[in-house]
PDB file of all heavy atoms in Angstrom:
ATOM      1  N   SER A   1     131.056 128.101 129.124  1.00  0.00           N
ATOM      2  CA  SER A   1     131.922 126.868 129.002  1.00  0.00           C
ATOM      3  C   SER A   1     133.129 127.111 128.214  1.00  0.00           C
ATOM      4  O   SER A   1     133.184 128.093 127.425  1.00  0.00           O
ATOM      5  CB  SER A   1     131.058 125.759 128.416  1.00  0.00           C
ATOM      6  OG  SER A   1     130.678 126.090 127.032  1.00  0.00           O
ATOM      7  N   GLY A   2     134.145 126.315 128.400  1.00  0.00           N
ATOM      8  CA  GLY A   2     135.422 126.528 127.767  1.00  0.00           C
ATOM      9  C   GLY A   2     136.527 127.126 128.619  1.00  0.00           C
ATOM     10  O   GLY A   2     136.248 127.341 129.801  1.00  0.00           O
ATOM     11  N   ARG A   3     137.587 127.456 128.027  1.00  0.00           N
ATOM     12  CA  ARG A   3     138.747 128.002 128.754  1.00  0.00           C
ATOM     13  C   ARG A   3     138.625 129.516 128.875  1.00  0.00           C
ATOM     14  O   ARG A   3     138.748 130.236 127.943  1.00  0.00           O
ATOM     15  CB  ARG A   3     140.031 127.641 128.083  1.00  0.00           C
ATOM     16  CG  ARG A   3     140.337 126.146 128.006  1.00  0.00           C
ATOM     17  CD  ARG A   3     140.730 125.632 129.371  1.00  0.00           C
ATOM     18  NE  ARG A   3     141.112 124.226 129.313  1.00  0.00           N
ATOM     19  CZ  ARG A   3     141.562 123.518 130.312  1.00  0.00           C
ATOM     20  NH1 ARG A   3     141.637 124.120 131.546  1.00  0.00           N
ATOM     21  NH2 ARG A   3     141.898 122.294 130.190  1.00  0.00           N
ATOM     22  N   ILE A   4     138.334 129.960 130.122  1.00  0.00           N
ATOM     23  CA  ILE A   4     138.187 131.346 130.422  1.00  0.00           C
ATOM     24  C   ILE A   4     139.045 131.693 131.623  1.00  0.00           C
ATOM     25  O   ILE A   4     139.030 131.012 132.653  1.00  0.00           O
ATOM     26  CB  ILE A   4     136.700 131.733 130.745  1.00  0.00           C
ATOM     27  CG1 ILE A   4     135.789 131.350 129.550  1.00  0.00           C
ATOM     28  CG2 ILE A   4     136.586 133.228 131.112  1.00  0.00           C
ATOM     29  CD1 ILE A   4     134.337 131.533 129.877  1.00  0.00           C
ATOM     30  N   SER A   5     139.813 132.755 131.479  1.00  0.00           N
ATOM     31  CA  SER A   5     140.652 133.236 132.595  1.00  0.00           C
ATOM     32  C   SER A   5     139.833 133.560 133.778  1.00  0.00           C
ATOM     33  O   SER A   5     138.717 134.099 133.657  1.00  0.00           O
ATOM     34  CB  SER A   5     141.498 134.429 132.148  1.00  0.00           C
ATOM     35  OG  SER A   5     142.167 135.037 133.263  1.00  0.00           O
ATOM     36  N   SER A   6     140.415 133.287 135.047  1.00  0.00           N
ATOM     37  CA  SER A   6     139.730 133.670 136.223  1.00  0.00           C
ATOM     38  C   SER A   6     139.671 135.178 136.428  1.00  0.00           C
ATOM     39  O   SER A   6     138.900 135.673 137.282  1.00  0.00           O
ATOM     40  CB  SER A   6     140.370 132.962 137.439  1.00  0.00           C
ATOM     41  OG  SER A   6     141.729 133.384 137.561  1.00  0.00           O
ATOM     42  N   ILE A   7     140.485 135.925 135.748  1.00  0.00           N
ATOM     43  CA  ILE A   7     140.531 137.392 135.792  1.00  0.00           C
ATOM     44  C   ILE A   7     139.626 137.889 134.711  1.00  0.00           C
ATOM     45  O   ILE A   7     139.957 137.977 133.527  1.00  0.00           O
ATOM     46  CB  ILE A   7     141.907 137.957 135.595  1.00  0.00           C
ATOM     47  CG1 ILE A   7     142.901 137.339 136.641  1.00  0.00           C
ATOM     48  CG2 ILE A   7     141.891 139.493 135.693  1.00  0.00           C
ATOM     49  CD1 ILE A   7     144.338 137.748 136.401  1.00  0.00           C
ATOM     50  N   ASN A   8     138.361 138.249 135.089  1.00  0.00           N
ATOM     51  CA  ASN A   8     137.381 138.620 134.084  1.00  0.00           C
ATOM     52  C   ASN A   8     136.329 139.471 134.678  1.00  0.00           C
ATOM     53  O   ASN A   8     136.124 139.472 135.921  1.00  0.00           O
ATOM     54  CB  ASN A   8     136.779 137.383 133.404  1.00  0.00           C
ATOM     55  CG  ASN A   8     135.959 136.538 134.374  1.00  0.00           C
ATOM     56  OD1 ASN A   8     134.879 136.895 134.792  1.00  0.00           O
ATOM     57  ND2 ASN A   8     136.494 135.360 134.702  1.00  0.00           N
ATOM     58  N   THR A   9     135.583 140.122 133.803  1.00  0.00           N
ATOM     59  CA  THR A   9     134.389 140.905 134.141  1.00  0.00           C
ATOM     60  C   THR A   9     133.209 140.327 133.378  1.00  0.00           C
ATOM     61  O   THR A   9     133.284 140.188 132.151  1.00  0.00           O
ATOM     62  CB  THR A   9     134.558 142.412 133.877  1.00  0.00           C
ATOM     63  OG1 THR A   9     135.591 142.903 134.694  1.00  0.00           O
ATOM     64  CG2 THR A   9     133.311 143.150 134.175  1.00  0.00           C
ATOM     65  N   MET A  10     132.124 140.025 134.061  1.00  0.00           N
ATOM     66  CA  MET A  10     130.951 139.526 133.470  1.00  0.00           C
ATOM     67  C   MET A  10     129.889 140.697 133.449  1.00  0.00           C
ATOM     68  O   MET A  10     129.908 141.542 134.367  1.00  0.00           O
ATOM     69  CB  MET A  10     130.335 138.349 134.201  1.00  0.00           C
ATOM     70  CG  MET A  10     131.202 137.095 134.137  1.00  0.00           C
ATOM     71  SD  MET A  10     130.392 135.747 135.044  1.00  0.00           S
ATOM     72  CE  MET A  10     131.412 134.368 134.480  1.00  0.00           C
ATOM     73  N   ALA A  11     129.094 140.709 132.436  1.00  0.00           N
ATOM     74  CA  ALA A  11     128.169 141.827 132.254  1.00  0.00           C
ATOM     75  C   ALA A  11     126.897 141.422 131.569  1.00  0.00           C
ATOM     76  O   ALA A  11     126.853 140.404 130.883  1.00  0.00           O
ATOM     77  CB  ALA A  11     128.856 142.949 131.499  1.00  0.00           C
ATOM     78  N   TRP A  12     125.885 142.265 131.719  1.00  0.00           N
ATOM     79  CA  TRP A  12     124.649 142.161 130.930  1.00  0.00           C
ATOM     80  C   TRP A  12     124.411 143.423 130.179  1.00  0.00           C
ATOM     81  O   TRP A  12     124.563 144.511 130.724  1.00  0.00           O
ATOM     82  CB  TRP A  12     123.443 141.873 131.880  1.00  0.00           C
ATOM     83  CG  TRP A  12     123.401 140.488 132.462  1.00  0.00           C
ATOM     84  CD1 TRP A  12     123.885 140.136 133.656  1.00  0.00           C
ATOM     85  CD2 TRP A  12     122.876 139.328 131.858  1.00  0.00           C
ATOM     86  NE1 TRP A  12     123.655 138.777 133.889  1.00  0.00           N
ATOM     87  CE2 TRP A  12     123.048 138.284 132.801  1.00  0.00           C
ATOM     88  CE3 TRP A  12     122.295 139.065 130.626  1.00  0.00           C
ATOM     89  CZ2 TRP A  12     122.608 136.951 132.480  1.00  0.00           C
ATOM     90  CZ3 TRP A  12     121.862 137.751 130.322  1.00  0.00           C
ATOM     91  CH2 TRP A  12     122.060 136.738 131.258  1.00  0.00           C
ATOM     92  N   HIS A  13     124.093 143.263 128.945  1.00  0.00           N
ATOM     93  CA  HIS A  13     123.724 144.394 128.045  1.00  0.00           C
ATOM     94  C   HIS A  13     122.294 144.151 127.554  1.00  0.00           C
ATOM     95  O   HIS A  13     121.792 143.018 127.632  1.00  0.00           O
ATOM     96  CB  HIS A  13     124.648 144.502 126.870  1.00  0.00           C
ATOM     97  CG  HIS A  13     126.071 144.721 127.216  1.00  0.00           C
ATOM     98  ND1 HIS A  13     126.805 145.901 126.899  1.00  0.00           N
ATOM     99  CD2 HIS A  13     126.979 143.868 127.810  1.00  0.00           C
ATOM    100  CE1 HIS A  13     128.045 145.765 127.312  1.00  0.00           C
ATOM    101  NE2 HIS A  13     128.174 144.578 127.875  1.00  0.00           N
ATOM    102  N   ARG A  14     121.665 145.225 127.056  1.00  0.00           N
ATOM    103  CA  ARG A  14     120.381 145.029 126.465  1.00  0.00           C
ATOM    104  C   ARG A  14     120.171 145.957 125.283  1.00  0.00           C
ATOM    105  O   ARG A  14     120.832 146.997 125.208  1.00  0.00           O
ATOM    106  CB  ARG A  14     119.255 145.287 127.474  1.00  0.00           C
ATOM    107  CG  ARG A  14     119.143 146.709 128.009  1.00  0.00           C
ATOM    108  CD  ARG A  14     118.072 146.792 129.075  1.00  0.00           C
ATOM    109  NE  ARG A  14     117.925 148.145 129.625  1.00  0.00           N
ATOM    110  CZ  ARG A  14     117.190 148.511 130.604  1.00  0.00           C
ATOM    111  NH1 ARG A  14     116.412 147.593 131.295  1.00  0.00           N
ATOM    112  NH2 ARG A  14     117.094 149.749 131.035  1.00  0.00           N
ATOM    113  N   GLN A  15     119.321 145.575 124.349  1.00  0.00           N
ATOM    114  CA  GLN A  15     119.065 146.355 123.180  1.00  0.00           C
ATOM    115  C   GLN A  15     117.586 146.308 122.831  1.00  0.00           C
ATOM    116  O   GLN A  15     117.058 145.212 122.531  1.00  0.00           O
ATOM    117  CB  GLN A  15     119.882 145.858 121.977  1.00  0.00           C
ATOM    118  CG  GLN A  15     119.840 146.689 120.773  1.00  0.00           C
ATOM    119  CD  GLN A  15     120.836 146.349 119.724  1.00  0.00           C
ATOM    120  OE1 GLN A  15     121.364 145.275 119.687  1.00  0.00           O
ATOM    121  NE2 GLN A  15     121.132 147.294 118.825  1.00  0.00           N
ATOM    122  N   ALA A  16     116.967 147.448 122.917  1.00  0.00           N
ATOM    123  CA  ALA A  16     115.562 147.553 122.571  1.00  0.00           C
ATOM    124  C   ALA A  16     115.406 147.830 121.100  1.00  0.00           C
ATOM    125  O   ALA A  16     116.394 148.346 120.384  1.00  0.00           O
ATOM    126  CB  ALA A  16     114.948 148.696 123.373  1.00  0.00           C
ATOM    127  N   PRO A  17     114.296 147.543 120.481  1.00  0.00           N
ATOM    128  CA  PRO A  17     114.098 147.748 119.041  1.00  0.00           C
ATOM    129  C   PRO A  17     114.381 149.203 118.668  1.00  0.00           C
ATOM    130  O   PRO A  17     113.845 150.124 119.246  1.00  0.00           O
ATOM    131  CB  PRO A  17     112.601 147.413 118.820  1.00  0.00           C
ATOM    132  CG  PRO A  17     112.324 146.411 119.907  1.00  0.00           C
ATOM    133  CD  PRO A  17     113.089 146.899 121.093  1.00  0.00           C
ATOM    134  N   GLY A  18     115.215 149.382 117.597  1.00  0.00           N
ATOM    135  CA  GLY A  18     115.496 150.723 117.128  1.00  0.00           C
ATOM    136  C   GLY A  18     116.475 151.515 118.011  1.00  0.00           C
ATOM    137  O   GLY A  18     116.645 152.686 117.741  1.00  0.00           O
ATOM    138  N   LYS A  19     117.011 150.905 119.017  1.00  0.00           N
ATOM    139  CA  LYS A  19     117.903 151.654 119.947  1.00  0.00           C
ATOM    140  C   LYS A  19     119.270 150.977 120.014  1.00  0.00           C
ATOM    141  O   LYS A  19     119.450 149.836 119.634  1.00  0.00           O
ATOM    142  CB  LYS A  19     117.339 151.732 121.306  1.00  0.00           C
ATOM    143  CG  LYS A  19     116.046 152.581 121.390  1.00  0.00           C
ATOM    144  CD  LYS A  19     115.667 152.846 122.804  1.00  0.00           C
ATOM    145  CE  LYS A  19     114.433 153.767 122.834  1.00  0.00           C
ATOM    146  NZ  LYS A  19     114.012 154.042 124.210  1.00  0.00           N
ATOM    147  N   GLN A  20     120.266 151.727 120.495  1.00  0.00           N
ATOM    148  CA  GLN A  20     121.590 151.191 120.662  1.00  0.00           C
ATOM    149  C   GLN A  20     121.699 150.226 121.833  1.00  0.00           C
ATOM    150  O   GLN A  20     120.936 150.295 122.773  1.00  0.00           O
ATOM    151  CB  GLN A  20     122.605 152.353 120.862  1.00  0.00           C
ATOM    152  CG  GLN A  20     122.711 153.313 119.674  1.00  0.00           C
ATOM    153  CD  GLN A  20     123.195 152.678 118.431  1.00  0.00           C
ATOM    154  OE1 GLN A  20     124.220 151.922 118.462  1.00  0.00           O
ATOM    155  NE2 GLN A  20     122.566 152.950 117.296  1.00  0.00           N
ATOM    156  N   ARG A  21     122.692 149.366 121.767  1.00  0.00           N
ATOM    157  CA  ARG A  21     122.909 148.396 122.844  1.00  0.00           C
ATOM    158  C   ARG A  21     123.385 149.173 124.103  1.00  0.00           C
ATOM    159  O   ARG A  21     124.237 150.067 124.009  1.00  0.00           O
ATOM    160  CB  ARG A  21     123.888 147.333 122.489  1.00  0.00           C
ATOM    161  CG  ARG A  21     124.031 146.224 123.505  1.00  0.00           C
ATOM    162  CD  ARG A  21     124.839 145.056 122.950  1.00  0.00           C
ATOM    163  NE  ARG A  21     124.196 144.422 121.805  1.00  0.00           N
ATOM    164  CZ  ARG A  21     124.667 143.354 121.218  1.00  0.00           C
ATOM    165  NH1 ARG A  21     125.756 142.746 121.658  1.00  0.00           N
ATOM    166  NH2 ARG A  21     124.036 142.837 120.172  1.00  0.00           N
ATOM    167  N   GLU A  22     122.835 148.844 125.279  1.00  0.00           N
ATOM    168  CA  GLU A  22     123.111 149.568 126.513  1.00  0.00           C
ATOM    169  C   GLU A  22     123.714 148.608 127.538  1.00  0.00           C
ATOM    170  O   GLU A  22     123.200 147.492 127.755  1.00  0.00           O
ATOM    171  CB  GLU A  22     121.770 150.168 127.042  1.00  0.00           C
ATOM    172  CG  GLU A  22     121.875 150.798 128.419  1.00  0.00           C
ATOM    173  CD  GLU A  22     120.503 151.196 128.950  1.00  0.00           C
ATOM    174  OE1 GLU A  22     119.550 150.391 128.747  1.00  0.00           O
ATOM    175  OE2 GLU A  22     120.425 152.222 129.567  1.00  0.00           O
ATOM    176  N   LEU A  23     124.731 149.069 128.238  1.00  0.00           N
ATOM    177  CA  LEU A  23     125.323 148.310 129.311  1.00  0.00           C
ATOM    178  C   LEU A  23     124.414 148.428 130.519  1.00  0.00           C
ATOM    179  O   LEU A  23     124.118 149.566 130.980  1.00  0.00           O
ATOM    180  CB  LEU A  23     126.726 148.827 129.643  1.00  0.00           C
ATOM    181  CG  LEU A  23     127.440 148.166 130.826  1.00  0.00           C
ATOM    182  CD1 LEU A  23     127.612 146.677 130.577  1.00  0.00           C
ATOM    183  CD2 LEU A  23     128.761 148.837 131.096  1.00  0.00           C
ATOM    184  N   VAL A  24     123.988 147.304 131.085  1.00  0.00           N
ATOM    185  CA  VAL A  24     123.035 147.329 132.200  1.00  0.00           C
ATOM    186  C   VAL A  24     123.714 147.122 133.521  1.00  0.00           C
ATOM    187  O   VAL A  24     123.501 147.854 134.477  1.00  0.00           O
ATOM    188  CB  VAL A  24     121.972 146.236 131.993  1.00  0.00           C
ATOM    189  CG1 VAL A  24     121.020 146.146 133.215  1.00  0.00           C
ATOM    190  CG2 VAL A  24     121.155 146.427 130.717  1.00  0.00           C
ATOM    191  N   ALA A  25     124.620 146.093 133.635  1.00  0.00           N
ATOM    192  CA  ALA A  25     125.296 145.749 134.866  1.00  0.00           C
ATOM    193  C   ALA A  25     126.561 145.033 134.670  1.00  0.00           C
ATOM    194  O   ALA A  25     126.678 144.315 133.663  1.00  0.00           O
ATOM    195  CB  ALA A  25     124.355 144.998 135.796  1.00  0.00           C
ATOM    196  N   THR A  26     127.521 145.215 135.524  1.00  0.00           N
ATOM    197  CA  THR A  26     128.786 144.445 135.469  1.00  0.00           C
ATOM    198  C   THR A  26     129.134 143.932 136.832  1.00  0.00           C
ATOM    199  O   THR A  26     128.747 144.423 137.863  1.00  0.00           O
ATOM    200  CB  THR A  26     129.957 145.373 135.014  1.00  0.00           C
ATOM    201  OG1 THR A  26     130.172 146.419 135.993  1.00  0.00           O
ATOM    202  CG2 THR A  26     129.676 145.975 133.664  1.00  0.00           C
ATOM    203  N   ILE A  27     129.952 142.866 136.826  1.00  0.00           N
ATOM    204  CA  ILE A  27     130.474 142.272 138.082  1.00  0.00           C
ATOM    205  C   ILE A  27     131.873 141.713 137.788  1.00  0.00           C
ATOM    206  O   ILE A  27     132.055 141.013 136.809  1.00  0.00           O
ATOM    207  CB  ILE A  27     129.477 141.172 138.653  1.00  0.00           C
ATOM    208  CG1 ILE A  27     130.015 140.658 139.960  1.00  0.00           C
ATOM    209  CG2 ILE A  27     129.267 140.083 137.642  1.00  0.00           C
ATOM    210  CD1 ILE A  27     128.994 139.862 140.740  1.00  0.00           C
TER     211      ILE A  27
END
């Protein structure tokens, strides 16, 4: 919600316990 440009990339990241955050998928 809010003002977001139509030119953007959406993504999902994940972080398991004790590990670095990982990029999972982008669109």
